[in-house]
Protein backbone atom coordinates (compact mmCIF):
# COMPACT_ATOMS: atom_id res chain seq x y z
CA MET A 1 -36.29 -36.94 -80.00
CA PHE A 2 -37.09 -40.00 -77.87
CA GLY A 3 -37.84 -41.95 -81.03
CA LEU A 4 -40.99 -39.93 -81.65
CA GLY A 5 -41.76 -38.43 -85.01
CA THR A 6 -43.48 -35.17 -85.77
CA GLN A 7 -46.86 -36.82 -86.18
CA GLU A 8 -46.65 -38.49 -82.78
CA LEU A 9 -45.66 -35.24 -81.08
CA ILE A 10 -48.56 -33.41 -82.72
CA LEU A 11 -50.95 -36.16 -81.63
CA ILE A 12 -49.67 -35.95 -78.05
CA ALA A 13 -50.07 -32.16 -78.09
CA VAL A 14 -53.66 -32.46 -79.35
CA VAL A 15 -54.52 -35.06 -76.70
CA ILE A 16 -53.08 -32.82 -73.97
CA LEU A 17 -55.02 -29.87 -75.35
CA VAL A 18 -58.26 -31.86 -75.32
CA LEU A 19 -57.69 -33.33 -71.85
CA PHE A 20 -56.56 -30.19 -70.05
CA GLY A 21 -58.05 -27.40 -72.12
CA ALA A 22 -56.24 -24.37 -73.47
CA LYS A 23 -56.50 -22.41 -70.22
CA LYS A 24 -54.87 -25.09 -68.08
CA ILE A 25 -51.85 -25.76 -70.30
CA PRO A 26 -49.74 -22.78 -69.08
CA ASP A 27 -50.30 -23.86 -65.47
CA PHE A 28 -49.48 -27.44 -66.38
CA MET A 29 -46.28 -26.42 -68.16
CA GLN A 30 -45.25 -24.15 -65.29
CA GLY A 31 -45.68 -27.02 -62.84
CA LEU A 32 -43.76 -29.33 -65.15
CA GLY A 33 -40.94 -26.80 -65.40
CA LYS A 34 -40.74 -26.44 -61.63
CA GLY A 35 -40.67 -30.20 -61.27
CA ILE A 36 -37.83 -30.55 -63.75
CA LYS A 37 -35.92 -27.75 -62.02
CA GLU A 38 -36.29 -29.45 -58.63
CA PHE A 39 -35.22 -32.79 -60.10
CA LYS A 40 -32.08 -31.25 -61.60
CA LYS A 41 -31.27 -29.51 -58.31
CA ALA A 42 -31.69 -32.73 -56.35
CA SER A 43 -29.57 -34.60 -58.88
CA THR A 44 -26.80 -32.01 -58.59
CA ASP A 45 -26.95 -32.11 -54.79
CA ILE A 46 -26.68 -35.89 -54.75
CA GLU A 47 -23.75 -35.77 -57.16
CA LYS A 48 -21.97 -33.24 -54.92
CA ASP A 49 -22.60 -35.39 -51.84
CA ILE A 50 -21.21 -38.48 -53.53
CA THR A 51 -18.15 -36.60 -54.76
CA LYS A 52 -17.54 -35.20 -51.28
CA SER A 53 -17.89 -38.66 -49.72
CA ILE A 54 -15.38 -40.12 -52.17
CA GLU A 55 -12.91 -37.31 -51.49
CA ASP A 56 -13.34 -37.73 -47.72
CA LYS A 57 -12.65 -41.47 -47.96
CA LYS A 58 -9.51 -40.84 -50.01
CA GLU A 59 -8.19 -38.51 -47.31
CA VAL A 60 -8.67 -41.09 -44.55
């Protein structure tokens, strides 16, 4: 996974836990999830727009 081993992932998790605290992690993850969802939606919308533009140019 991204060239990271288990030890590196555990270290990253511990650092996040120390920096944000246990109470802030659910809020952080929720925000991260919303951000990823918005990114995927925007990516899909752009892909649809490009496909539509290509189809429109083929018709002309």
